[in-house]
Amino acid sequence: MTEITIPTLGHLPQAAAQVAALLADHSIVVFEGEMGAGKTTFIKALGQALGVADDVSSPTFALVNEYRDGRDQPIYHFDFYRIEDPSEALNIGALEYFDSGYLCLIEWPSRVEALLPPKRLLVTLTVTGPESRLLQLEPLAD
């Protein structure tokens, strides 16, 4: 497990660059953390580190947003907070996204746990202060 300390919001770009460097082996990245822990804020910083020019925002109501990275490859950003049943994720084609080989960034993955591939990178955000966070990165496999 890798741990990255983020002392202030100003340190987000460096932390995001560290995580971006680890993504070569993972197309599925799941983000766990309490409401308000900064999952979407971190994903915005990660998008910038990957060269996304678009505004990265939470797909809370759309369930998925698509961005393009600096190599013009798609990045899919999911927020499953509002779904009641994994079938809702199936209805938007979640499995096709997950199987695409493109980067999938998933907030609230526990709501679709049964649909997730076993090989993924778990990123847990823990609030340690008003602006500080601890990121724990754990590769998971079957």
C-alpha atoms as a PDB file:
ATOM      1  CA  MET A   1       0.000   0.000   0.000  1.00  0.00           C
ATOM      2  CA  THR A   2       1.226   3.475  -0.884  1.00  0.00           C
ATOM      3  CA  GLU A   3       0.364   6.470   1.277  1.00  0.00           C
ATOM      4  CA  ILE A   4       0.438  10.087   0.122  1.00  0.00           C
ATOM      5  CA  THR A   5      -0.069  12.926   2.569  1.00  0.00           C
ATOM      6  CA  ILE A   6      -1.784  16.062   1.255  1.00  0.00           C
ATOM      7  CA  PRO A   7      -1.168  18.810   3.844  1.00  0.00           C
ATOM      8  CA  THR A   8      -3.147  21.531   1.985  1.00  0.00           C
ATOM      9  CA  LEU A   9      -5.177  22.033  -1.183  1.00  0.00           C
ATOM     10  CA  GLY A  10      -2.057  23.590  -2.688  1.00  0.00           C
ATOM     11  CA  HIS A  11      -0.396  20.169  -2.572  1.00  0.00           C
ATOM     12  CA  LEU A  12      -3.120  18.485  -4.670  1.00  0.00           C
ATOM     13  CA  PRO A  13      -1.247  18.826  -8.003  1.00  0.00           C
ATOM     14  CA  GLN A  14       1.821  17.015  -6.645  1.00  0.00           C
ATOM     15  CA  ALA A  15      -0.293  14.230  -5.137  1.00  0.00           C
ATOM     16  CA  ALA A  16      -2.283  13.894  -8.369  1.00  0.00           C
ATOM     17  CA  ALA A  17       0.942  13.648 -10.383  1.00  0.00           C
ATOM     18  CA  GLN A  18       2.126  10.838  -8.074  1.00  0.00           C
ATOM     19  CA  VAL A  19      -1.124   8.937  -8.603  1.00  0.00           C
ATOM     20  CA  ALA A  20      -1.102   9.591 -12.371  1.00  0.00           C
ATOM     21  CA  ALA A  21       2.307   7.934 -12.544  1.00  0.00           C
ATOM     22  CA  LEU A  22       0.801   4.758 -11.065  1.00  0.00           C
ATOM     23  CA  LEU A  23      -2.060   4.461 -13.563  1.00  0.00           C
ATOM     24  CA  ALA A  24      -0.153   2.614 -16.285  1.00  0.00           C
ATOM     25  CA  ASP A  25      -1.140  -0.691 -14.660  1.00  0.00           C
ATOM     26  CA  HIS A  26      -4.726   0.235 -13.775  1.00  0.00           C
ATOM     27  CA  SER A  27      -7.652   1.228 -15.965  1.00  0.00           C
ATOM     28  CA  ILE A  28     -10.159   0.944 -13.093  1.00  0.00           C
ATOM     29  CA  VAL A  29      -9.590   3.301 -10.158  1.00  0.00           C
ATOM     30  CA  VAL A  30     -12.132   3.344  -7.342  1.00  0.00           C
ATOM     31  CA  PHE A  31     -12.355   6.174  -4.817  1.00  0.00           C
ATOM     32  CA  GLU A  32     -13.578   5.591  -1.275  1.00  0.00           C
ATOM     33  CA  GLY A  33     -14.030   8.240   1.382  1.00  0.00           C
ATOM     34  CA  GLU A  34     -16.723   9.872   3.435  1.00  0.00           C
ATOM     35  CA  MET A  35     -18.982  12.535   1.958  1.00  0.00           C
ATOM     36  CA  GLY A  36     -16.904  15.694   1.671  1.00  0.00           C
ATOM     37  CA  ALA A  37     -13.548  13.886   1.812  1.00  0.00           C
ATOM     38  CA  GLY A  38     -12.587  15.413  -1.533  1.00  0.00           C
ATOM     39  CA  LYS A  39     -13.017  12.573  -4.011  1.00  0.00           C
ATOM     40  CA  THR A  40     -14.244  14.840  -6.815  1.00  0.00           C
ATOM     41  CA  THR A  41     -11.715  17.547  -5.931  1.00  0.00           C
ATOM     42  CA  PHE A  42      -8.913  15.004  -6.165  1.00  0.00           C
ATOM     43  CA  ILE A  43     -10.265  13.637  -9.460  1.00  0.00           C
ATOM     44  CA  LYS A  44     -10.227  17.219 -10.846  1.00  0.00           C
ATOM     45  CA  ALA A  45      -6.534  17.492  -9.916  1.00  0.00           C
ATOM     46  CA  LEU A  46      -5.861  14.037 -11.384  1.00  0.00           C
ATOM     47  CA  GLY A  47      -7.571  15.096 -14.620  1.00  0.00           C
ATOM     48  CA  GLN A  48      -5.297  18.120 -14.835  1.00  0.00           C
ATOM     49  CA  ALA A  49      -2.254  15.899 -14.227  1.00  0.00           C
ATOM     50  CA  LEU A  50      -3.424  13.694 -17.124  1.00  0.00           C
ATOM     51  CA  GLY A  51      -3.848  16.668 -19.459  1.00  0.00           C
ATOM     52  CA  VAL A  52      -7.645  16.977 -19.387  1.00  0.00           C
ATOM     53  CA  ALA A  53      -8.552  20.414 -20.751  1.00  0.00           C
ATOM     54  CA  ASP A  54     -12.286  20.149 -19.980  1.00  0.00           C
ATOM     55  CA  ASP A  55     -13.868  21.156 -16.698  1.00  0.00           C
ATOM     56  CA  VAL A  56     -13.928  18.042 -14.502  1.00  0.00           C
ATOM     57  CA  SER A  57     -17.077  17.944 -12.411  1.00  0.00           C
ATOM     58  CA  SER A  58     -19.078  15.380 -10.497  1.00  0.00           C
ATOM     59  CA  PRO A  59     -21.402  13.282 -12.661  1.00  0.00           C
ATOM     60  CA  THR A  60     -23.778  12.861  -9.713  1.00  0.00           C
ATOM     61  CA  PHE A  61     -26.928  13.088 -11.814  1.00  0.00           C
ATOM     62  CA  ALA A  62     -25.586  11.938 -15.198  1.00  0.00           C
ATOM     63  CA  LEU A  63     -23.744   9.012 -13.506  1.00  0.00           C
ATOM     64  CA  VAL A  64     -20.853   9.283 -16.000  1.00  0.00           C
ATOM     65  CA  ASN A  65     -18.859  12.097 -17.604  1.00  0.00           C
ATOM     66  CA  GLU A  66     -16.345  11.634 -20.394  1.00  0.00           C
ATOM     67  CA  TYR A  67     -13.173  13.677 -20.698  1.00  0.00           C
ATOM     68  CA  ARG A  68     -10.158  13.476 -23.005  1.00  0.00           C
ATOM     69  CA  ASP A  69      -6.645  13.264 -21.657  1.00  0.00           C
ATOM     70  CA  GLY A  70      -3.558  14.902 -23.144  1.00  0.00           C
ATOM     71  CA  ARG A  71      -3.219  12.003 -25.629  1.00  0.00           C
ATOM     72  CA  ASP A  72      -6.884  12.387 -26.703  1.00  0.00           C
ATOM     73  CA  GLN A  73      -7.832   9.131 -24.957  1.00  0.00           C
ATOM     74  CA  PRO A  74     -11.171   8.942 -23.128  1.00  0.00           C
ATOM     75  CA  ILE A  75     -11.385   9.046 -19.354  1.00  0.00           C
ATOM     76  CA  TYR A  76     -14.694   8.017 -17.802  1.00  0.00           C
ATOM     77  CA  HIS A  77     -15.684   9.523 -14.446  1.00  0.00           C
ATOM     78  CA  PHE A  78     -18.507   7.789 -12.573  1.00  0.00           C
ATOM     79  CA  ASP A  79     -20.400   8.844  -9.455  1.00  0.00           C
ATOM     80  CA  PHE A  80     -22.685   6.084  -8.208  1.00  0.00           C
ATOM     81  CA  TYR A  81     -23.795   7.858  -5.030  1.00  0.00           C
ATOM     82  CA  ARG A  82     -27.404   8.291  -6.172  1.00  0.00           C
ATOM     83  CA  ILE A  83     -28.062   4.849  -7.615  1.00  0.00           C
ATOM     84  CA  GLU A  84     -30.369   2.534  -5.704  1.00  0.00           C
ATOM     85  CA  ASP A  85     -29.467  -0.704  -7.467  1.00  0.00           C
ATOM     86  CA  PRO A  86     -26.509  -1.905  -9.583  1.00  0.00           C
ATOM     87  CA  SER A  87     -28.952  -2.514 -12.459  1.00  0.00           C
ATOM     88  CA  GLU A  88     -29.016   1.273 -12.935  1.00  0.00           C
ATOM     89  CA  ALA A  89     -25.288   1.130 -13.695  1.00  0.00           C
ATOM     90  CA  LEU A  90     -25.890  -1.766 -16.088  1.00  0.00           C
ATOM     91  CA  ASN A  91     -28.520   0.318 -17.883  1.00  0.00           C
ATOM     92  CA  ILE A  92     -25.955   3.014 -18.731  1.00  0.00           C
ATOM     93  CA  GLY A  93     -23.536   0.392 -20.060  1.00  0.00           C
ATOM     94  CA  ALA A  94     -21.145   0.410 -17.094  1.00  0.00           C
ATOM     95  CA  LEU A  95     -19.687  -2.995 -17.971  1.00  0.00           C
ATOM     96  CA  GLU A  96     -18.790  -1.807 -21.469  1.00  0.00           C
ATOM     97  CA  TYR A  97     -17.005   1.200 -19.970  1.00  0.00           C
ATOM     98  CA  PHE A  98     -15.187  -0.986 -17.421  1.00  0.00           C
ATOM     99  CA  ASP A  99     -14.129  -3.449 -20.163  1.00  0.00           C
ATOM    100  CA  SER A 100     -13.035  -0.707 -22.605  1.00  0.00           C
ATOM    101  CA  GLY A 101      -9.457  -0.581 -21.334  1.00  0.00           C
ATOM    102  CA  TYR A 102      -9.772   3.182 -20.919  1.00  0.00           C
ATOM    103  CA  LEU A 103      -9.343   4.867 -17.571  1.00  0.00           C
ATOM    104  CA  CYS A 104     -12.458   4.668 -15.377  1.00  0.00           C
ATOM    105  CA  LEU A 105     -12.513   6.799 -12.218  1.00  0.00           C
ATOM    106  CA  ILE A 106     -15.309   5.615  -9.936  1.00  0.00           C
ATOM    107  CA  GLU A 107     -16.756   7.407  -6.917  1.00  0.00           C
ATOM    108  CA  TRP A 108     -18.924   5.378  -4.501  1.00  0.00           C
ATOM    109  CA  PRO A 109     -17.828   2.013  -5.976  1.00  0.00           C
ATOM    110  CA  SER A 110     -19.404   0.037  -3.129  1.00  0.00           C
ATOM    111  CA  ARG A 111     -22.805   0.666  -4.741  1.00  0.00           C
ATOM    112  CA  VAL A 112     -21.729  -1.358  -7.804  1.00  0.00           C
ATOM    113  CA  GLU A 113     -19.236  -3.721  -6.154  1.00  0.00           C
ATOM    114  CA  ALA A 114     -20.653  -6.801  -7.909  1.00  0.00           C
ATOM    115  CA  LEU A 115     -20.024  -5.212 -11.325  1.00  0.00           C
ATOM    116  CA  LEU A 116     -16.423  -4.157 -10.773  1.00  0.00           C
ATOM    117  CA  PRO A 117     -13.541  -6.138 -12.216  1.00  0.00           C
ATOM    118  CA  PRO A 118     -11.311  -7.659  -9.518  1.00  0.00           C
ATOM    119  CA  LYS A 119      -8.181  -5.868 -10.826  1.00  0.00           C
ATOM    120  CA  ARG A 120      -8.435  -2.237  -9.781  1.00  0.00           C
ATOM    121  CA  LEU A 121      -6.692   0.456  -7.815  1.00  0.00           C
ATOM    122  CA  LEU A 122      -8.394   1.414  -4.567  1.00  0.00           C
ATOM    123  CA  VAL A 123      -7.803   5.033  -3.525  1.00  0.00           C
ATOM    124  CA  THR A 124      -9.054   5.816  -0.025  1.00  0.00           C
ATOM    125  CA  LEU A 125      -9.250   9.470   1.027  1.00  0.00           C
ATOM    126  CA  THR A 126      -9.237  10.163   4.743  1.00  0.00           C
ATOM    127  CA  VAL A 127      -9.874  13.620   6.197  1.00  0.00           C
ATOM    128  CA  THR A 128      -7.030  14.525   8.564  1.00  0.00           C
ATOM    129  CA  GLY A 129      -7.721  18.272   8.943  1.00  0.00           C
ATOM    130  CA  PRO A 130      -9.599  21.199   7.386  1.00  0.00           C
ATOM    131  CA  GLU A 131      -7.544  20.982   4.147  1.00  0.00           C
ATOM    132  CA  SER A 132      -5.365  17.944   4.792  1.00  0.00           C
ATOM    133  CA  ARG A 133      -6.018  14.444   3.540  1.00  0.00           C
ATOM    134  CA  LEU A 134      -4.335  11.071   3.567  1.00  0.00           C
ATOM    135  CA  LEU A 135      -4.477   9.086   0.316  1.00  0.00           C
ATOM    136  CA  GLN A 136      -3.991   5.348   0.548  1.00  0.00           C
ATOM    137  CA  LEU A 137      -3.476   3.493  -2.714  1.00  0.00           C
ATOM    138  CA  GLU A 138      -3.952  -0.241  -2.767  1.00  0.00           C
ATOM    139  CA  PRO A 139      -3.828  -2.367  -5.919  1.00  0.00           C
ATOM    140  CA  LEU A 140      -6.488  -5.067  -5.820  1.00  0.00           C
ATOM    141  CA  ALA A 141      -6.612  -8.249  -7.865  1.00  0.00           C
ATOM    142  CA  ASP A 142      -8.592 -11.450  -7.903  1.00  0.00           C
END
